[in-house]
Amino acid sequence: MNGLKPEDTAIYYCYVAATSGNNYWGQ
């Protein structure tokens, strides 16, 4: 992430879409 702006402030969550069809989320 370059050129960050105040409006980029947030909690960022990682996710994975697995081949099984399930989705998983980070903390």
mmCIF file of all heavy atoms, coordinates in Angstrom:
data_MODEL
# 
_entry.id   MODEL 
# 
loop_
_atom_site.group_PDB 
_atom_site.id 
_atom_site.type_symbol 
_atom_site.label_atom_id 
_atom_site.label_alt_id 
_atom_site.label_comp_id 
_atom_site.label_asym_id 
_atom_site.label_entity_id 
_atom_site.label_seq_id 
_atom_site.pdbx_PDB_ins_code 
_atom_site.Cartn_x 
_atom_site.Cartn_y 
_atom_site.Cartn_z 
_atom_site.occupancy 
_atom_site.B_iso_or_equiv 
_atom_site.pdbx_formal_charge 
_atom_site.auth_seq_id 
_atom_site.auth_comp_id 
_atom_site.auth_asym_id 
_atom_site.auth_atom_id 
_atom_site.pdbx_PDB_model_num 
ATOM 1   N N   . MET A 1 1  ? 0.843   -1.187  0.000  1.00 0.00 ? 1  MET A N   1 
ATOM 2   C CA  . MET A 1 1  ? 0.000   0.000   0.000  1.00 0.00 ? 1  MET A CA  1 
ATOM 3   C C   . MET A 1 1  ? 0.882   1.241   0.000  1.00 0.00 ? 1  MET A C   1 
ATOM 4   O O   . MET A 1 1  ? 1.588   1.498   0.973  1.00 0.00 ? 1  MET A O   1 
ATOM 5   C CB  . MET A 1 1  ? -0.926  -0.007  1.225  1.00 0.00 ? 1  MET A CB  1 
ATOM 6   C CG  . MET A 1 1  ? -1.767  -1.274  1.354  1.00 0.00 ? 1  MET A CG  1 
ATOM 7   S SD  . MET A 1 1  ? -2.956  -1.214  2.703  1.00 0.00 ? 1  MET A SD  1 
ATOM 8   C CE  . MET A 1 1  ? -1.857  -1.161  4.114  1.00 0.00 ? 1  MET A CE  1 
ATOM 9   N N   . ASN A 1 2  ? 0.845   1.970   -1.090 1.00 0.00 ? 2  ASN A N   1 
ATOM 10  C CA  . ASN A 1 2  ? 1.608   3.199   -1.223 1.00 0.00 ? 2  ASN A CA  1 
ATOM 11  C C   . ASN A 1 2  ? 0.664   4.388   -1.311 1.00 0.00 ? 2  ASN A C   1 
ATOM 12  O O   . ASN A 1 2  ? -0.516  4.233   -1.617 1.00 0.00 ? 2  ASN A O   1 
ATOM 13  C CB  . ASN A 1 2  ? 2.481   3.143   -2.480 1.00 0.00 ? 2  ASN A CB  1 
ATOM 14  C CG  . ASN A 1 2  ? 3.492   2.020   -2.444 1.00 0.00 ? 2  ASN A CG  1 
ATOM 15  O OD1 . ASN A 1 2  ? 3.994   1.642   -1.392 1.00 0.00 ? 2  ASN A OD1 1 
ATOM 16  N ND2 . ASN A 1 2  ? 3.799   1.464   -3.611 1.00 0.00 ? 2  ASN A ND2 1 
ATOM 17  N N   . GLY A 1 3  ? 1.190   5.557   -1.074 1.00 0.00 ? 3  GLY A N   1 
ATOM 18  C CA  . GLY A 1 3  ? 0.363   6.753   -1.164 1.00 0.00 ? 3  GLY A CA  1 
ATOM 19  C C   . GLY A 1 3  ? -0.857  6.695   -0.269 1.00 0.00 ? 3  GLY A C   1 
ATOM 20  O O   . GLY A 1 3  ? -1.948  7.102   -0.667 1.00 0.00 ? 3  GLY A O   1 
ATOM 21  N N   . LEU A 1 4  ? -0.673  6.216   0.946  1.00 0.00 ? 4  LEU A N   1 
ATOM 22  C CA  . LEU A 1 4  ? -1.811  6.016   1.836  1.00 0.00 ? 4  LEU A CA  1 
ATOM 23  C C   . LEU A 1 4  ? -2.499  7.333   2.176  1.00 0.00 ? 4  LEU A C   1 
ATOM 24  O O   . LEU A 1 4  ? -1.839  8.386   2.318  1.00 0.00 ? 4  LEU A O   1 
ATOM 25  C CB  . LEU A 1 4  ? -1.371  5.305   3.106  1.00 0.00 ? 4  LEU A CB  1 
ATOM 26  C CG  . LEU A 1 4  ? -1.156  3.792   2.923  1.00 0.00 ? 4  LEU A CG  1 
ATOM 27  C CD1 . LEU A 1 4  ? -0.311  3.212   4.040  1.00 0.00 ? 4  LEU A CD1 1 
ATOM 28  C CD2 . LEU A 1 4  ? -2.496  3.080   2.837  1.00 0.00 ? 4  LEU A CD2 1 
ATOM 29  N N   . LYS A 1 5  ? -3.808  7.263   2.307  1.00 0.00 ? 5  LYS A N   1 
ATOM 30  C CA  . LYS A 1 5  ? -4.639  8.417   2.619  1.00 0.00 ? 5  LYS A CA  1 
ATOM 31  C C   . LYS A 1 5  ? -5.392  8.155   3.923  1.00 0.00 ? 5  LYS A C   1 
ATOM 32  O O   . LYS A 1 5  ? -5.630  6.988   4.273  1.00 0.00 ? 5  LYS A O   1 
ATOM 33  C CB  . LYS A 1 5  ? -5.647  8.648   1.497  1.00 0.00 ? 5  LYS A CB  1 
ATOM 34  C CG  . LYS A 1 5  ? -5.032  8.827   0.122  1.00 0.00 ? 5  LYS A CG  1 
ATOM 35  C CD  . LYS A 1 5  ? -6.102  8.946   -0.940 1.00 0.00 ? 5  LYS A CD  1 
ATOM 36  C CE  . LYS A 1 5  ? -5.498  9.110   -2.330 1.00 0.00 ? 5  LYS A CE  1 
ATOM 37  N NZ  . LYS A 1 5  ? -6.537  9.227   -3.382 1.00 0.00 ? 5  LYS A NZ  1 
ATOM 38  N N   . PRO A 1 6  ? -5.793  9.207   4.623  1.00 0.00 ? 6  PRO A N   1 
ATOM 39  C CA  . PRO A 1 6  ? -6.564  8.989   5.859  1.00 0.00 ? 6  PRO A CA  1 
ATOM 40  C C   . PRO A 1 6  ? -7.809  8.121   5.644  1.00 0.00 ? 6  PRO A C   1 
ATOM 41  O O   . PRO A 1 6  ? -8.178  7.352   6.535  1.00 0.00 ? 6  PRO A O   1 
ATOM 42  C CB  . PRO A 1 6  ? -6.939  10.413  6.270  1.00 0.00 ? 6  PRO A CB  1 
ATOM 43  C CG  . PRO A 1 6  ? -5.821  11.252  5.751  1.00 0.00 ? 6  PRO A CG  1 
ATOM 44  C CD  . PRO A 1 6  ? -5.454  10.617  4.427  1.00 0.00 ? 6  PRO A CD  1 
ATOM 45  N N   . GLU A 1 7  ? -8.408  8.203   4.468  1.00 0.00 ? 7  GLU A N   1 
ATOM 46  C CA  . GLU A 1 7  ? -9.605  7.396   4.206  1.00 0.00 ? 7  GLU A CA  1 
ATOM 47  C C   . GLU A 1 7  ? -9.295  5.913   4.020  1.00 0.00 ? 7  GLU A C   1 
ATOM 48  O O   . GLU A 1 7  ? -10.214 5.096   3.900  1.00 0.00 ? 7  GLU A O   1 
ATOM 49  C CB  . GLU A 1 7  ? -10.364 7.924   2.980  1.00 0.00 ? 7  GLU A CB  1 
ATOM 50  C CG  . GLU A 1 7  ? -9.505  8.139   1.746  1.00 0.00 ? 7  GLU A CG  1 
ATOM 51  C CD  . GLU A 1 7  ? -9.052  9.587   1.593  1.00 0.00 ? 7  GLU A CD  1 
ATOM 52  O OE1 . GLU A 1 7  ? -8.633  10.194  2.608  1.00 0.00 ? 7  GLU A OE1 1 
ATOM 53  O OE2 . GLU A 1 7  ? -9.087  10.088  0.450  1.00 0.00 ? 7  GLU A OE2 1 
ATOM 54  N N   . ASP A 1 8  ? -8.017  5.557   3.984  1.00 0.00 ? 8  ASP A N   1 
ATOM 55  C CA  . ASP A 1 8  ? -7.636  4.143   3.955  1.00 0.00 ? 8  ASP A CA  1 
ATOM 56  C C   . ASP A 1 8  ? -7.624  3.532   5.356  1.00 0.00 ? 8  ASP A C   1 
ATOM 57  O O   . ASP A 1 8  ? -7.442  2.317   5.500  1.00 0.00 ? 8  ASP A O   1 
ATOM 58  C CB  . ASP A 1 8  ? -6.243  3.968   3.341  1.00 0.00 ? 8  ASP A CB  1 
ATOM 59  C CG  . ASP A 1 8  ? -6.193  4.355   1.876  1.00 0.00 ? 8  ASP A CG  1 
ATOM 60  O OD1 . ASP A 1 8  ? -7.133  4.001   1.136  1.00 0.00 ? 8  ASP A OD1 1 
ATOM 61  O OD2 . ASP A 1 8  ? -5.210  5.010   1.474  1.00 0.00 ? 8  ASP A OD2 1 
ATOM 62  N N   . THR A 1 9  ? -7.808  4.360   6.369  1.00 0.00 ? 9  THR A N   1 
ATOM 63  C CA  . THR A 1 9  ? -7.829  3.869   7.742  1.00 0.00 ? 9  THR A CA  1 
ATOM 64  C C   . THR A 1 9  ? -8.961  2.875   7.935  1.00 0.00 ? 9  THR A C   1 
ATOM 65  O O   . THR A 1 9  ? -10.123 3.172   7.646  1.00 0.00 ? 9  THR A O   1 
ATOM 66  C CB  . THR A 1 9  ? -7.984  5.031   8.725  1.00 0.00 ? 9  THR A CB  1 
ATOM 67  O OG1 . THR A 1 9  ? -6.828  5.873   8.646  1.00 0.00 ? 9  THR A OG1 1 
ATOM 68  C CG2 . THR A 1 9  ? -8.150  4.527   10.151 1.00 0.00 ? 9  THR A CG2 1 
ATOM 69  N N   . ALA A 1 10 ? -8.610  1.680   8.398  1.00 0.00 ? 10 ALA A N   1 
ATOM 70  C CA  . ALA A 1 10 ? -9.602  0.616   8.569  1.00 0.00 ? 10 ALA A CA  1 
ATOM 71  C C   . ALA A 1 10 ? -8.911  -0.606  9.164  1.00 0.00 ? 10 ALA A C   1 
ATOM 72  O O   . ALA A 1 10 ? -7.684  -0.658  9.256  1.00 0.00 ? 10 ALA A O   1 
ATOM 73  C CB  . ALA A 1 10 ? -10.224 0.240   7.227  1.00 0.00 ? 10 ALA A CB  1 
ATOM 74  N N   . ILE A 1 11 ? -9.717  -1.573  9.533  1.00 0.00 ? 11 ILE A N   1 
ATOM 75  C CA  . ILE A 1 11 ? -9.197  -2.902  9.833  1.00 0.00 ? 11 ILE A CA  1 
ATOM 76  C C   . ILE A 1 11 ? -9.208  -3.676  8.523  1.00 0.00 ? 11 ILE A C   1 
ATOM 77  O O   . ILE A 1 11 ? -10.254 -3.748  7.856  1.00 0.00 ? 11 ILE A O   1 
ATOM 78  C CB  . ILE A 1 11 ? -10.031 -3.616  10.901 1.00 0.00 ? 11 ILE A CB  1 
ATOM 79  C CG1 . ILE A 1 11 ? -10.019 -2.829  12.208 1.00 0.00 ? 11 ILE A CG1 1 
ATOM 80  C CG2 . ILE A 1 11 ? -9.490  -5.029  11.137 1.00 0.00 ? 11 ILE A CG2 1 
ATOM 81  C CD1 . ILE A 1 11 ? -10.934 -3.399  13.273 1.00 0.00 ? 11 ILE A CD1 1 
ATOM 82  N N   . TYR A 1 12 ? -8.076  -4.245  8.172  1.00 0.00 ? 12 TYR A N   1 
ATOM 83  C CA  . TYR A 1 12 ? -7.946  -4.986  6.922  1.00 0.00 ? 12 TYR A CA  1 
ATOM 84  C C   . TYR A 1 12 ? -8.000  -6.482  7.230  1.00 0.00 ? 12 TYR A C   1 
ATOM 85  O O   . TYR A 1 12 ? -7.259  -6.981  8.089  1.00 0.00 ? 12 TYR A O   1 
ATOM 86  C CB  . TYR A 1 12 ? -6.632  -4.629  6.230  1.00 0.00 ? 12 TYR A CB  1 
ATOM 87  C CG  . TYR A 1 12 ? -6.689  -3.282  5.553  1.00 0.00 ? 12 TYR A CG  1 
ATOM 88  C CD1 . TYR A 1 12 ? -6.757  -2.109  6.303  1.00 0.00 ? 12 TYR A CD1 1 
ATOM 89  C CD2 . TYR A 1 12 ? -6.688  -3.179  4.167  1.00 0.00 ? 12 TYR A CD2 1 
ATOM 90  C CE1 . TYR A 1 12 ? -6.831  -0.865  5.681  1.00 0.00 ? 12 TYR A CE1 1 
ATOM 91  C CE2 . TYR A 1 12 ? -6.756  -1.942  3.535  1.00 0.00 ? 12 TYR A CE2 1 
ATOM 92  C CZ  . TYR A 1 12 ? -6.836  -0.795  4.307  1.00 0.00 ? 12 TYR A CZ  1 
ATOM 93  O OH  . TYR A 1 12 ? -6.917  0.436   3.688  1.00 0.00 ? 12 TYR A OH  1 
ATOM 94  N N   . TYR A 1 13 ? -8.868  -7.177  6.497  1.00 0.00 ? 13 TYR A N   1 
ATOM 95  C CA  . TYR A 1 13 ? -9.081  -8.603  6.698  1.00 0.00 ? 13 TYR A CA  1 
ATOM 96  C C   . TYR A 1 13 ? -8.640  -9.372  5.463  1.00 0.00 ? 13 TYR A C   1 
ATOM 97  O O   . TYR A 1 13 ? -9.041  -9.068  4.336  1.00 0.00 ? 13 TYR A O   1 
ATOM 98  C CB  . TYR A 1 13 ? -10.553 -8.897  6.951  1.00 0.00 ? 13 TYR A CB  1 
ATOM 99  C CG  . TYR A 1 13 ? -11.105 -8.294  8.223  1.00 0.00 ? 13 TYR A CG  1 
ATOM 100 C CD1 . TYR A 1 13 ? -11.703 -7.043  8.210  1.00 0.00 ? 13 TYR A CD1 1 
ATOM 101 C CD2 . TYR A 1 13 ? -11.025 -8.989  9.428  1.00 0.00 ? 13 TYR A CD2 1 
ATOM 102 C CE1 . TYR A 1 13 ? -12.215 -6.487  9.376  1.00 0.00 ? 13 TYR A CE1 1 
ATOM 103 C CE2 . TYR A 1 13 ? -11.537 -8.433  10.591 1.00 0.00 ? 13 TYR A CE2 1 
ATOM 104 C CZ  . TYR A 1 13 ? -12.128 -7.182  10.554 1.00 0.00 ? 13 TYR A CZ  1 
ATOM 105 O OH  . TYR A 1 13 ? -12.638 -6.641  11.709 1.00 0.00 ? 13 TYR A OH  1 
ATOM 106 N N   . CYS A 1 14 ? -7.850  -10.375 5.692  1.00 0.00 ? 14 CYS A N   1 
ATOM 107 C CA  . CYS A 1 14 ? -7.443  -11.298 4.645  1.00 0.00 ? 14 CYS A CA  1 
ATOM 108 C C   . CYS A 1 14 ? -8.509  -12.377 4.495  1.00 0.00 ? 14 CYS A C   1 
ATOM 109 O O   . CYS A 1 14 ? -9.119  -12.777 5.490  1.00 0.00 ? 14 CYS A O   1 
ATOM 110 C CB  . CYS A 1 14 ? -6.113  -11.906 5.069  1.00 0.00 ? 14 CYS A CB  1 
ATOM 111 S SG  . CYS A 1 14 ? -5.630  -13.431 4.281  1.00 0.00 ? 14 CYS A SG  1 
ATOM 112 N N   . TYR A 1 15 ? -8.747  -12.818 3.278  1.00 0.00 ? 15 TYR A N   1 
ATOM 113 C CA  . TYR A 1 15 ? -9.659  -13.943 3.092  1.00 0.00 ? 15 TYR A CA  1 
ATOM 114 C C   . TYR A 1 15 ? -9.099  -14.906 2.048  1.00 0.00 ? 15 TYR A C   1 
ATOM 115 O O   . TYR A 1 15 ? -8.290  -14.528 1.205  1.00 0.00 ? 15 TYR A O   1 
ATOM 116 C CB  . TYR A 1 15 ? -11.060 -13.468 2.687  1.00 0.00 ? 15 TYR A CB  1 
ATOM 117 C CG  . TYR A 1 15 ? -11.210 -13.165 1.215  1.00 0.00 ? 15 TYR A CG  1 
ATOM 118 C CD1 . TYR A 1 15 ? -11.640 -14.140 0.307  1.00 0.00 ? 15 TYR A CD1 1 
ATOM 119 C CD2 . TYR A 1 15 ? -10.921 -11.894 0.721  1.00 0.00 ? 15 TYR A CD2 1 
ATOM 120 C CE1 . TYR A 1 15 ? -11.764 -13.856 -1.042 1.00 0.00 ? 15 TYR A CE1 1 
ATOM 121 C CE2 . TYR A 1 15 ? -11.040 -11.606 -0.626 1.00 0.00 ? 15 TYR A CE2 1 
ATOM 122 C CZ  . TYR A 1 15 ? -11.470 -12.586 -1.502 1.00 0.00 ? 15 TYR A CZ  1 
ATOM 123 O OH  . TYR A 1 15 ? -11.598 -12.305 -2.842 1.00 0.00 ? 15 TYR A OH  1 
ATOM 124 N N   . VAL A 1 16 ? -9.575  -16.135 2.158  1.00 0.00 ? 16 VAL A N   1 
ATOM 125 C CA  . VAL A 1 16 ? -9.212  -17.181 1.208  1.00 0.00 ? 16 VAL A CA  1 
ATOM 126 C C   . VAL A 1 16 ? -10.489 -17.840 0.711  1.00 0.00 ? 16 VAL A C   1 
ATOM 127 O O   . VAL A 1 16 ? -11.331 -18.210 1.522  1.00 0.00 ? 16 VAL A O   1 
ATOM 128 C CB  . VAL A 1 16 ? -8.299  -18.241 1.853  1.00 0.00 ? 16 VAL A CB  1 
ATOM 129 C CG1 . VAL A 1 16 ? -8.267  -19.510 1.020  1.00 0.00 ? 16 VAL A CG1 1 
ATOM 130 C CG2 . VAL A 1 16 ? -6.904  -17.700 2.057  1.00 0.00 ? 16 VAL A CG2 1 
ATOM 131 N N   . ALA A 1 17 ? -10.605 -17.953 -0.603 1.00 0.00 ? 17 ALA A N   1 
ATOM 132 C CA  . ALA A 1 17 ? -11.695 -18.717 -1.204 1.00 0.00 ? 17 ALA A CA  1 
ATOM 133 C C   . ALA A 1 17 ? -11.105 -20.063 -1.616 1.00 0.00 ? 17 ALA A C   1 
ATOM 134 O O   . ALA A 1 17 ? -10.328 -20.142 -2.573 1.00 0.00 ? 17 ALA A O   1 
ATOM 135 C CB  . ALA A 1 17 ? -12.262 -17.979 -2.409 1.00 0.00 ? 17 ALA A CB  1 
ATOM 136 N N   . ALA A 1 18 ? -11.452 -21.096 -0.865 1.00 0.00 ? 18 ALA A N   1 
ATOM 137 C CA  . ALA A 1 18 ? -10.852 -22.401 -1.103 1.00 0.00 ? 18 ALA A CA  1 
ATOM 138 C C   . ALA A 1 18 ? -11.564 -23.137 -2.233 1.00 0.00 ? 18 ALA A C   1 
ATOM 139 O O   . ALA A 1 18 ? -12.721 -22.856 -2.560 1.00 0.00 ? 18 ALA A O   1 
ATOM 140 C CB  . ALA A 1 18 ? -10.925 -23.238 0.171  1.00 0.00 ? 18 ALA A CB  1 
ATOM 141 N N   . THR A 1 19 ? -10.862 -24.109 -2.815 1.00 0.00 ? 19 THR A N   1 
ATOM 142 C CA  . THR A 1 19 ? -11.458 -24.910 -3.884 1.00 0.00 ? 19 THR A CA  1 
ATOM 143 C C   . THR A 1 19 ? -12.618 -25.746 -3.368 1.00 0.00 ? 19 THR A C   1 
ATOM 144 O O   . THR A 1 19 ? -13.465 -26.189 -4.149 1.00 0.00 ? 19 THR A O   1 
ATOM 145 C CB  . THR A 1 19 ? -10.414 -25.822 -4.529 1.00 0.00 ? 19 THR A CB  1 
ATOM 146 O OG1 . THR A 1 19 ? -9.834  -26.657 -3.517 1.00 0.00 ? 19 THR A OG1 1 
ATOM 147 C CG2 . THR A 1 19 ? -9.315  -25.012 -5.202 1.00 0.00 ? 19 THR A CG2 1 
ATOM 148 N N   . SER A 1 20 ? -12.681 -25.939 -2.055 1.00 0.00 ? 20 SER A N   1 
ATOM 149 C CA  . SER A 1 20 ? -13.789 -26.693 -1.457 1.00 0.00 ? 20 SER A CA  1 
ATOM 150 C C   . SER A 1 20 ? -15.101 -25.925 -1.500 1.00 0.00 ? 20 SER A C   1 
ATOM 151 O O   . SER A 1 20 ? -16.166 -26.492 -1.270 1.00 0.00 ? 20 SER A O   1 
ATOM 152 C CB  . SER A 1 20 ? -13.461 -27.018 -0.001 1.00 0.00 ? 20 SER A CB  1 
ATOM 153 O OG  . SER A 1 20 ? -13.347 -25.813 0.750  1.00 0.00 ? 20 SER A OG  1 
ATOM 154 N N   . GLY A 1 21 ? -14.984 -24.607 -1.749 1.00 0.00 ? 21 GLY A N   1 
ATOM 155 C CA  . GLY A 1 21 ? -16.166 -23.756 -1.723 1.00 0.00 ? 21 GLY A CA  1 
ATOM 156 C C   . GLY A 1 21 ? -16.304 -22.963 -0.441 1.00 0.00 ? 21 GLY A C   1 
ATOM 157 O O   . GLY A 1 21 ? -17.162 -22.098 -0.326 1.00 0.00 ? 21 GLY A O   1 
ATOM 158 N N   . ASN A 1 22 ? -15.459 -23.279 0.521  1.00 0.00 ? 22 ASN A N   1 
ATOM 159 C CA  . ASN A 1 22 ? -15.484 -22.545 1.785  1.00 0.00 ? 22 ASN A CA  1 
ATOM 160 C C   . ASN A 1 22 ? -14.635 -21.283 1.689  1.00 0.00 ? 22 ASN A C   1 
ATOM 161 O O   . ASN A 1 22 ? -13.646 -21.231 0.955  1.00 0.00 ? 22 ASN A O   1 
ATOM 162 C CB  . ASN A 1 22 ? -14.954 -23.425 2.923  1.00 0.00 ? 22 ASN A CB  1 
ATOM 163 C CG  . ASN A 1 22 ? -15.863 -24.595 3.208  1.00 0.00 ? 22 ASN A CG  1 
ATOM 164 O OD1 . ASN A 1 22 ? -17.080 -24.480 3.115  1.00 0.00 ? 22 ASN A OD1 1 
ATOM 165 N ND2 . ASN A 1 22 ? -15.280 -25.729 3.541  1.00 0.00 ? 22 ASN A ND2 1 
ATOM 166 N N   . ASN A 1 23 ? -15.017 -20.291 2.464  1.00 0.00 ? 23 ASN A N   1 
ATOM 167 C CA  . ASN A 1 23 ? -14.240 -19.061 2.604  1.00 0.00 ? 23 ASN A CA  1 
ATOM 168 C C   . ASN A 1 23 ? -13.725 -18.958 4.026  1.00 0.00 ? 23 ASN A C   1 
ATOM 169 O O   . ASN A 1 23 ? -14.421 -19.334 4.974  1.00 0.00 ? 23 ASN A O   1 
ATOM 170 C CB  . ASN A 1 23 ? -15.085 -17.827 2.283  1.00 0.00 ? 23 ASN A CB  1 
ATOM 171 C CG  . ASN A 1 23 ? -15.459 -17.758 0.814  1.00 0.00 ? 23 ASN A CG  1 
ATOM 172 O OD1 . ASN A 1 23 ? -14.755 -18.274 -0.047 1.00 0.00 ? 23 ASN A OD1 1 
ATOM 173 N ND2 . ASN A 1 23 ? -16.583 -17.127 0.520  1.00 0.00 ? 23 ASN A ND2 1 
ATOM 174 N N   . TYR A 1 24 ? -12.514 -18.445 4.160  1.00 0.00 ? 24 TYR A N   1 
ATOM 175 C CA  . TYR A 1 24 ? -11.895 -18.306 5.470  1.00 0.00 ? 24 TYR A CA  1 
ATOM 176 C C   . TYR A 1 24 ? -11.392 -16.878 5.629  1.00 0.00 ? 24 TYR A C   1 
ATOM 177 O O   . TYR A 1 24 ? -10.982 -16.245 4.655  1.00 0.00 ? 24 TYR A O   1 
ATOM 178 C CB  . TYR A 1 24 ? -10.729 -19.290 5.619  1.00 0.00 ? 24 TYR A CB  1 
ATOM 179 C CG  . TYR A 1 24 ? -11.146 -20.727 5.449  1.00 0.00 ? 24 TYR A CG  1 
ATOM 180 C CD1 . TYR A 1 24 ? -11.044 -21.356 4.207  1.00 0.00 ? 24 TYR A CD1 1 
ATOM 181 C CD2 . TYR A 1 24 ? -11.662 -21.456 6.518  1.00 0.00 ? 24 TYR A CD2 1 
ATOM 182 C CE1 . TYR A 1 24 ? -11.450 -22.672 4.034  1.00 0.00 ? 24 TYR A CE1 1 
ATOM 183 C CE2 . TYR A 1 24 ? -12.061 -22.780 6.357  1.00 0.00 ? 24 TYR A CE2 1 
ATOM 184 C CZ  . TYR A 1 24 ? -11.955 -23.373 5.108  1.00 0.00 ? 24 TYR A CZ  1 
ATOM 185 O OH  . TYR A 1 24 ? -12.363 -24.670 4.947  1.00 0.00 ? 24 TYR A OH  1 
ATOM 186 N N   . TRP A 1 25 ? -11.406 -16.417 6.883  1.00 0.00 ? 25 TRP A N   1 
ATOM 187 C CA  . TRP A 1 25 ? -11.038 -15.028 7.166  1.00 0.00 ? 25 TRP A CA  1 
ATOM 188 C C   . TRP A 1 25 ? -9.949  -14.959 8.224  1.00 0.00 ? 25 TRP A C   1 
ATOM 189 O O   . TRP A 1 25 ? -9.917  -15.775 9.155  1.00 0.00 ? 25 TRP A O   1 
ATOM 190 C CB  . TRP A 1 25 ? -12.259 -14.255 7.674  1.00 0.00 ? 25 TRP A CB  1 
ATOM 191 C CG  . TRP A 1 25 ? -13.304 -14.078 6.635  1.00 0.00 ? 25 TRP A CG  1 
ATOM 192 C CD1 . TRP A 1 25 ? -14.325 -14.927 6.331  1.00 0.00 ? 25 TRP A CD1 1 
ATOM 193 C CD2 . TRP A 1 25 ? -13.430 -12.975 5.727  1.00 0.00 ? 25 TRP A CD2 1 
ATOM 194 N NE1 . TRP A 1 25 ? -15.074 -14.429 5.302  1.00 0.00 ? 25 TRP A NE1 1 
ATOM 195 C CE2 . TRP A 1 25 ? -14.553 -13.230 4.906  1.00 0.00 ? 25 TRP A CE2 1 
ATOM 196 C CE3 . TRP A 1 25 ? -12.705 -11.801 5.536  1.00 0.00 ? 25 TRP A CE3 1 
ATOM 197 C CZ2 . TRP A 1 25 ? -14.960 -12.348 3.910  1.00 0.00 ? 25 TRP A CZ2 1 
ATOM 198 C CZ3 . TRP A 1 25 ? -13.115 -10.930 4.538  1.00 0.00 ? 25 TRP A CZ3 1 
ATOM 199 C CH2 . TRP A 1 25 ? -14.231 -11.201 3.735  1.00 0.00 ? 25 TRP A CH2 1 
ATOM 200 N N   . GLY A 1 26 ? -9.075  -13.957 8.070  1.00 0.00 ? 26 GLY A N   1 
ATOM 201 C CA  . GLY A 1 26 ? -8.096  -13.673 9.091  1.00 0.00 ? 26 GLY A CA  1 
ATOM 202 C C   . GLY A 1 26 ? -8.712  -12.856 10.225 1.00 0.00 ? 26 GLY A C   1 
ATOM 203 O O   . GLY A 1 26 ? -9.874  -12.465 10.171 1.00 0.00 ? 26 GLY A O   1 
ATOM 204 N N   . GLN A 1 27 ? -7.890  -12.575 11.230 1.00 0.00 ? 27 GLN A N   1 
ATOM 205 C CA  . GLN A 1 27 ? -8.379  -11.888 12.415 1.00 0.00 ? 27 GLN A CA  1 
ATOM 206 C C   . GLN A 1 27 ? -8.444  -10.385 12.224 1.00 0.00 ? 27 GLN A C   1 
ATOM 207 O O   . GLN A 1 27 ? -9.060  -9.675  13.022 1.00 0.00 ? 27 GLN A O   1 
ATOM 208 C CB  . GLN A 1 27 ? -7.482  -12.216 13.621 1.00 0.00 ? 27 GLN A CB  1 
ATOM 209 C CG  . GLN A 1 27 ? -6.155  -11.451 13.684 1.00 0.00 ? 27 GLN A CG  1 
ATOM 210 C CD  . GLN A 1 27 ? -5.103  -12.001 12.737 1.00 0.00 ? 27 GLN A CD  1 
ATOM 211 O OE1 . GLN A 1 27 ? -5.324  -12.938 11.974 1.00 0.00 ? 27 GLN A OE1 1 
ATOM 212 N NE2 . GLN A 1 27 ? -3.917  -11.403 12.788 1.00 0.00 ? 27 GLN A NE2 1 
# 
